[in-house]
C-alpha atoms as a PDB file:
ATOM      1  CA  UNK A   1     -13.217 -35.980   1.161  1.00  0.00           C
ATOM      2  CA  UNK A   2     -12.997 -32.503   2.659  1.00  0.00           C
ATOM      3  CA  UNK A   3      -9.487 -31.067   3.030  1.00  0.00           C
ATOM      4  CA  UNK A   4      -9.732 -30.782   6.824  1.00  0.00           C
ATOM      5  CA  UNK A   5     -10.349 -34.553   7.102  1.00  0.00           C
ATOM      6  CA  UNK A   6      -7.316 -35.293   4.944  1.00  0.00           C
ATOM      7  CA  UNK A   7      -5.183 -33.032   7.144  1.00  0.00           C
ATOM      8  CA  UNK A   8      -6.339 -34.901  10.278  1.00  0.00           C
ATOM      9  CA  UNK A   9      -6.087 -38.322   8.673  1.00  0.00           C
ATOM     10  CA  UNK A  10      -2.434 -38.050   7.605  1.00  0.00           C
ATOM     11  CA  UNK A  11      -0.967 -37.854  11.168  1.00  0.00           C
ATOM     12  CA  UNK A  12      -3.241 -40.697  12.314  1.00  0.00           C
ATOM     13  CA  UNK A  13      -2.071 -42.942   9.456  1.00  0.00           C
ATOM     14  CA  UNK A  14       1.559 -42.020  10.188  1.00  0.00           C
ATOM     15  CA  UNK A  15       1.106 -42.849  13.878  1.00  0.00           C
ATOM     16  CA  UNK A  16      -0.504 -46.222  13.121  1.00  0.00           C
ATOM     17  CA  UNK A  17       2.218 -47.018  10.596  1.00  0.00           C
ATOM     18  CA  UNK A  18       4.954 -46.229  13.092  1.00  0.00           C
ATOM     19  CA  UNK A  19       3.367 -48.535  15.654  1.00  0.00           C
ATOM     20  CA  UNK A  20       3.069 -51.563  13.351  1.00  0.00           C
ATOM     21  CA  UNK A  21       6.694 -52.801  13.417  1.00  0.00           C
ATOM     22  CA  UNK A  22       6.783 -52.807  17.210  1.00  0.00           C
ATOM     23  CA  UNK A  23       3.605 -54.873  17.322  1.00  0.00           C
ATOM     24  CA  UNK A  24       5.076 -57.418  14.909  1.00  0.00           C
ATOM     25  CA  UNK A  25       7.846 -58.367  17.340  1.00  0.00           C
ATOM     26  CA  UNK A  26       5.249 -59.529  19.880  1.00  0.00           C
ATOM     27  CA  UNK A  27       3.348 -61.710  17.400  1.00  0.00           C
ATOM     28  CA  UNK A  28       3.612 -65.464  17.249  1.00  0.00           C
ATOM     29  CA  UNK A  29       4.868 -65.928  13.689  1.00  0.00           C
ATOM     30  CA  UNK A  30       4.309 -69.678  13.768  1.00  0.00           C
ATOM     31  CA  UNK A  31       0.699 -69.310  14.943  1.00  0.00           C
ATOM     32  CA  UNK A  32       0.189 -66.664  12.250  1.00  0.00           C
ATOM     33  CA  UNK A  33       1.602 -69.010   9.596  1.00  0.00           C
ATOM     34  CA  UNK A  34      -0.496 -71.921  10.877  1.00  0.00           C
ATOM     35  CA  UNK A  35      -3.664 -69.834  10.855  1.00  0.00           C
ATOM     36  CA  UNK A  36      -3.065 -68.012   7.599  1.00  0.00           C
ATOM     37  CA  UNK A  37      -0.746 -70.028   5.354  1.00  0.00           C
ATOM     38  CA  UNK A  38      -0.614 -73.659   6.471  1.00  0.00           C
ATOM     39  CA  UNK A  39      -3.795 -74.828   4.737  1.00  0.00           C
ATOM     40  CA  UNK A  40      -2.262 -74.111   1.320  1.00  0.00           C
ATOM     41  CA  UNK A  41       1.485 -74.318   2.012  1.00  0.00           C
ATOM     42  CA  UNK A  42       1.837 -76.806   4.875  1.00  0.00           C
ATOM     43  CA  UNK A  43       4.319 -76.551   7.718  1.00  0.00           C
ATOM     44  CA  UNK A  44       6.521 -73.467   7.402  1.00  0.00           C
ATOM     45  CA  UNK A  45       9.798 -75.349   7.850  1.00  0.00           C
ATOM     46  CA  UNK A  46       8.963 -78.008   5.276  1.00  0.00           C
ATOM     47  CA  UNK A  47       7.666 -75.328   2.907  1.00  0.00           C
ATOM     48  CA  UNK A  48      10.848 -73.264   3.297  1.00  0.00           C
ATOM     49  CA  UNK A  49      13.150 -76.227   2.726  1.00  0.00           C
ATOM     50  CA  UNK A  50      11.093 -77.431  -0.263  1.00  0.00           C
ATOM     51  CA  UNK A  51      10.487 -74.159  -2.141  1.00  0.00           C
ATOM     52  CA  UNK A  52      12.943 -71.512  -0.897  1.00  0.00           C
ATOM     53  CA  UNK A  53      16.705 -71.042  -0.919  1.00  0.00           C
ATOM     54  CA  UNK A  54      19.188 -68.598   0.497  1.00  0.00           C
ATOM     55  CA  UNK A  55      21.423 -67.144  -2.220  1.00  0.00           C
ATOM     56  CA  UNK A  56      24.033 -64.534  -1.386  1.00  0.00           C
ATOM     57  CA  UNK A  57      22.368 -64.024   1.997  1.00  0.00           C
ATOM     58  CA  UNK A  58      18.977 -63.358   0.377  1.00  0.00           C
ATOM     59  CA  UNK A  59      15.839 -65.498   0.484  1.00  0.00           C
ATOM     60  CA  UNK A  60      14.635 -66.487  -2.975  1.00  0.00           C
ATOM     61  CA  UNK A  61      11.763 -68.654  -4.090  1.00  0.00           C
ATOM     62  CA  UNK A  62      11.364 -71.130  -6.886  1.00  0.00           C
ATOM     63  CA  UNK A  63       8.823 -68.649  -8.209  1.00  0.00           C
ATOM     64  CA  UNK A  64       9.217 -64.913  -7.597  1.00  0.00           C
ATOM     65  CA  UNK A  65      12.991 -65.172  -7.385  1.00  0.00           C
ATOM     66  CA  UNK A  66      13.619 -61.446  -7.657  1.00  0.00           C
ATOM     67  CA  UNK A  67      10.332 -60.289  -6.163  1.00  0.00           C
ATOM     68  CA  UNK A  68       9.659 -62.602  -3.212  1.00  0.00           C
ATOM     69  CA  UNK A  69       9.297 -59.764  -0.696  1.00  0.00           C
ATOM     70  CA  UNK A  70       6.894 -57.888  -2.963  1.00  0.00           C
ATOM     71  CA  UNK A  71       4.973 -61.078  -3.607  1.00  0.00           C
ATOM     72  CA  UNK A  72       4.537 -61.643   0.144  1.00  0.00           C
ATOM     73  CA  UNK A  73       3.265 -58.058   0.502  1.00  0.00           C
ATOM     74  CA  UNK A  74       0.573 -58.907  -2.058  1.00  0.00           C
ATOM     75  CA  UNK A  75      -0.163 -62.478  -0.920  1.00  0.00           C
ATOM     76  CA  UNK A  76      -2.331 -62.176   2.188  1.00  0.00           C
ATOM     77  CA  UNK A  77       0.586 -61.399   4.530  1.00  0.00           C
ATOM     78  CA  UNK A  78       0.201 -58.408   6.834  1.00  0.00           C
ATOM     79  CA  UNK A  79       2.686 -55.713   5.805  1.00  0.00           C
ATOM     80  CA  UNK A  80       4.266 -55.524   9.258  1.00  0.00           C
ATOM     81  CA  UNK A  81       4.939 -59.267   9.164  1.00  0.00           C
ATOM     82  CA  UNK A  82       6.637 -59.527   5.770  1.00  0.00           C
ATOM     83  CA  UNK A  83      10.162 -58.922   7.110  1.00  0.00           C
ATOM     84  CA  UNK A  84       9.814 -61.133  10.231  1.00  0.00           C
ATOM     85  CA  UNK A  85       8.194 -63.975   8.254  1.00  0.00           C
ATOM     86  CA  UNK A  86      10.916 -63.725   5.596  1.00  0.00           C
ATOM     87  CA  UNK A  87      13.554 -63.953   8.348  1.00  0.00           C
ATOM     88  CA  UNK A  88      11.793 -66.996   9.820  1.00  0.00           C
ATOM     89  CA  UNK A  89      11.547 -68.682   6.413  1.00  0.00           C
ATOM     90  CA  UNK A  90      15.163 -67.847   5.609  1.00  0.00           C
ATOM     91  CA  UNK A  91      16.348 -69.479   8.833  1.00  0.00           C
ATOM     92  CA  UNK A  92      14.185 -72.530   8.133  1.00  0.00           C
ATOM     93  CA  UNK A  93      15.345 -72.809   4.508  1.00  0.00           C
ATOM     94  CA  UNK A  94      18.967 -72.776   5.648  1.00  0.00           C
ATOM     95  CA  UNK A  95      18.522 -75.286   8.489  1.00  0.00           C
ATOM     96  CA  UNK A  96      18.164 -79.018   8.435  1.00  0.00           C
ATOM     97  CA  UNK A  97      15.102 -80.398  10.265  1.00  0.00           C
ATOM     98  CA  UNK A  98      17.079 -81.707  13.264  1.00  0.00           C
ATOM     99  CA  UNK A  99      14.410 -80.808  15.836  1.00  0.00           C
ATOM    100  CA  UNK A 100      11.691 -82.546  13.841  1.00  0.00           C
ATOM    101  CA  UNK A 101      13.828 -85.644  13.291  1.00  0.00           C
ATOM    102  CA  UNK A 102      15.429 -85.928  16.746  1.00  0.00           C
ATOM    103  CA  UNK A 103      12.864 -84.345  19.069  1.00  0.00           C
ATOM    104  CA  UNK A 104       9.517 -84.070  17.298  1.00  0.00           C
ATOM    105  CA  UNK A 105       8.228 -87.531  18.130  1.00  0.00           C
ATOM    106  CA  UNK A 106       8.131 -86.657  21.843  1.00  0.00           C
ATOM    107  CA  UNK A 107       7.950 -82.856  21.816  1.00  0.00           C
ATOM    108  CA  UNK A 108       5.820 -82.027  18.747  1.00  0.00           C
ATOM    109  CA  UNK A 109       6.860 -79.023  16.692  1.00  0.00           C
ATOM    110  CA  UNK A 110       9.658 -76.702  17.764  1.00  0.00           C
ATOM    111  CA  UNK A 111       7.175 -73.833  18.046  1.00  0.00           C
ATOM    112  CA  UNK A 112       4.846 -75.826  20.345  1.00  0.00           C
ATOM    113  CA  UNK A 113       7.801 -76.887  22.446  1.00  0.00           C
ATOM    114  CA  UNK A 114       9.181 -73.347  22.688  1.00  0.00           C
ATOM    115  CA  UNK A 115       5.805 -71.892  23.699  1.00  0.00           C
ATOM    116  CA  UNK A 116       5.151 -74.292  26.531  1.00  0.00           C
ATOM    117  CA  UNK A 117       8.577 -75.435  27.696  1.00  0.00           C
ATOM    118  CA  UNK A 118      11.205 -72.723  27.152  1.00  0.00           C
ATOM    119  CA  UNK A 119      12.076 -69.342  28.621  1.00  0.00           C
ATOM    120  CA  UNK A 120      15.020 -66.987  28.670  1.00  0.00           C
ATOM    121  CA  UNK A 121      16.495 -66.528  32.132  1.00  0.00           C
ATOM    122  CA  UNK A 122      19.350 -64.063  32.522  1.00  0.00           C
ATOM    123  CA  UNK A 123      20.154 -64.388  28.820  1.00  0.00           C
ATOM    124  CA  UNK A 124      20.224 -68.196  28.889  1.00  0.00           C
ATOM    125  CA  UNK A 125      17.700 -70.495  27.233  1.00  0.00           C
ATOM    126  CA  UNK A 126      16.155 -72.437  30.106  1.00  0.00           C
ATOM    127  CA  UNK A 127      13.619 -75.209  30.517  1.00  0.00           C
ATOM    128  CA  UNK A 128      10.518 -73.930  32.295  1.00  0.00           C
ATOM    129  CA  UNK A 129       9.984 -77.134  34.280  1.00  0.00           C
ATOM    130  CA  UNK A 130      13.607 -77.985  35.090  1.00  0.00           C
ATOM    131  CA  UNK A 131      14.869 -74.402  35.401  1.00  0.00           C
ATOM    132  CA  UNK A 132      18.099 -75.753  33.911  1.00  0.00           C
ATOM    133  CA  UNK A 133      19.960 -74.300  30.939  1.00  0.00           C
ATOM    134  CA  UNK A 134      18.830 -76.122  27.807  1.00  0.00           C
ATOM    135  CA  UNK A 135      22.422 -76.482  26.638  1.00  0.00           C
ATOM    136  CA  UNK A 136      23.321 -78.454  29.784  1.00  0.00           C
ATOM    137  CA  UNK A 137      20.147 -80.525  29.584  1.00  0.00           C
ATOM    138  CA  UNK A 138      20.691 -81.453  25.919  1.00  0.00           C
ATOM    139  CA  UNK A 139      24.101 -82.914  26.702  1.00  0.00           C
ATOM    140  CA  UNK A 140      22.298 -85.813  28.410  1.00  0.00           C
ATOM    141  CA  UNK A 141      18.912 -85.805  26.675  1.00  0.00           C
ATOM    142  CA  UNK A 142      17.617 -86.500  23.200  1.00  0.00           C
ATOM    143  CA  UNK A 143      20.573 -88.305  21.699  1.00  0.00           C
ATOM    144  CA  UNK A 144      22.121 -85.286  20.013  1.00  0.00           C
ATOM    145  CA  UNK A 145      25.755 -85.512  19.041  1.00  0.00           C
ATOM    146  CA  UNK A 146      27.911 -83.065  21.036  1.00  0.00           C
ATOM    147  CA  UNK A 147      28.394 -80.863  17.956  1.00  0.00           C
ATOM    148  CA  UNK A 148      24.599 -80.641  17.507  1.00  0.00           C
ATOM    149  CA  UNK A 149      23.883 -79.189  20.960  1.00  0.00           C
ATOM    150  CA  UNK A 150      24.946 -75.555  20.382  1.00  0.00           C
ATOM    151  CA  UNK A 151      23.180 -75.279  16.990  1.00  0.00           C
ATOM    152  CA  UNK A 152      20.021 -76.777  18.535  1.00  0.00           C
ATOM    153  CA  UNK A 153      20.122 -74.206  21.341  1.00  0.00           C
ATOM    154  CA  UNK A 154      20.462 -71.413  18.746  1.00  0.00           C
ATOM    155  CA  UNK A 155      17.531 -72.853  16.791  1.00  0.00           C
ATOM    156  CA  UNK A 156      15.364 -73.034  19.905  1.00  0.00           C
ATOM    157  CA  UNK A 157      16.327 -69.464  20.890  1.00  0.00           C
ATOM    158  CA  UNK A 158      15.296 -68.305  17.414  1.00  0.00           C
ATOM    159  CA  UNK A 159      12.005 -70.200  17.555  1.00  0.00           C
ATOM    160  CA  UNK A 160      11.268 -68.840  21.033  1.00  0.00           C
ATOM    161  CA  UNK A 161      11.653 -65.334  19.577  1.00  0.00           C
ATOM    162  CA  UNK A 162       9.436 -66.236  16.627  1.00  0.00           C
ATOM    163  CA  UNK A 163       6.606 -67.398  18.906  1.00  0.00           C
ATOM    164  CA  UNK A 164       6.684 -64.156  20.871  1.00  0.00           C
ATOM    165  CA  UNK A 165       9.103 -65.138  23.616  1.00  0.00           C
ATOM    166  CA  UNK A 166      12.213 -63.101  24.214  1.00  0.00           C
ATOM    167  CA  UNK A 167      15.287 -64.735  22.654  1.00  0.00           C
END
């Protein structure tokens, strides 16, 4: 390659690289997982709880304990999505499947529910249809114990962010 092309190519690559992390925040991580990983690994939450753990605040796998992040870089995952997907998997590995068990029969997956039914309004997680704060709504809906309401709201805020909404 001629030197002048290399000189022009370097700033272009740097510009594209600097844009990638911003684009990742707008991506639907659950749709990405479902389209790219689900056929082999199944549902992301079940996969995380079955094969991953959080040790000393760090996500580790049954395999690739010390090199999970590097493995994900090399295992069909877009580079700009490695960190966000690891964060998603870490949250799922650390959480019990309360949404699936308590809400899934009526509302499907948490990601489907977040996409179609939730929004942030003035910093509060709100139901799109009811326009009511989810925390207030859950006090009378779904059979959650009072101590489960706040953690469920946090989970749904996280999932809304993971599907491209604004938590």
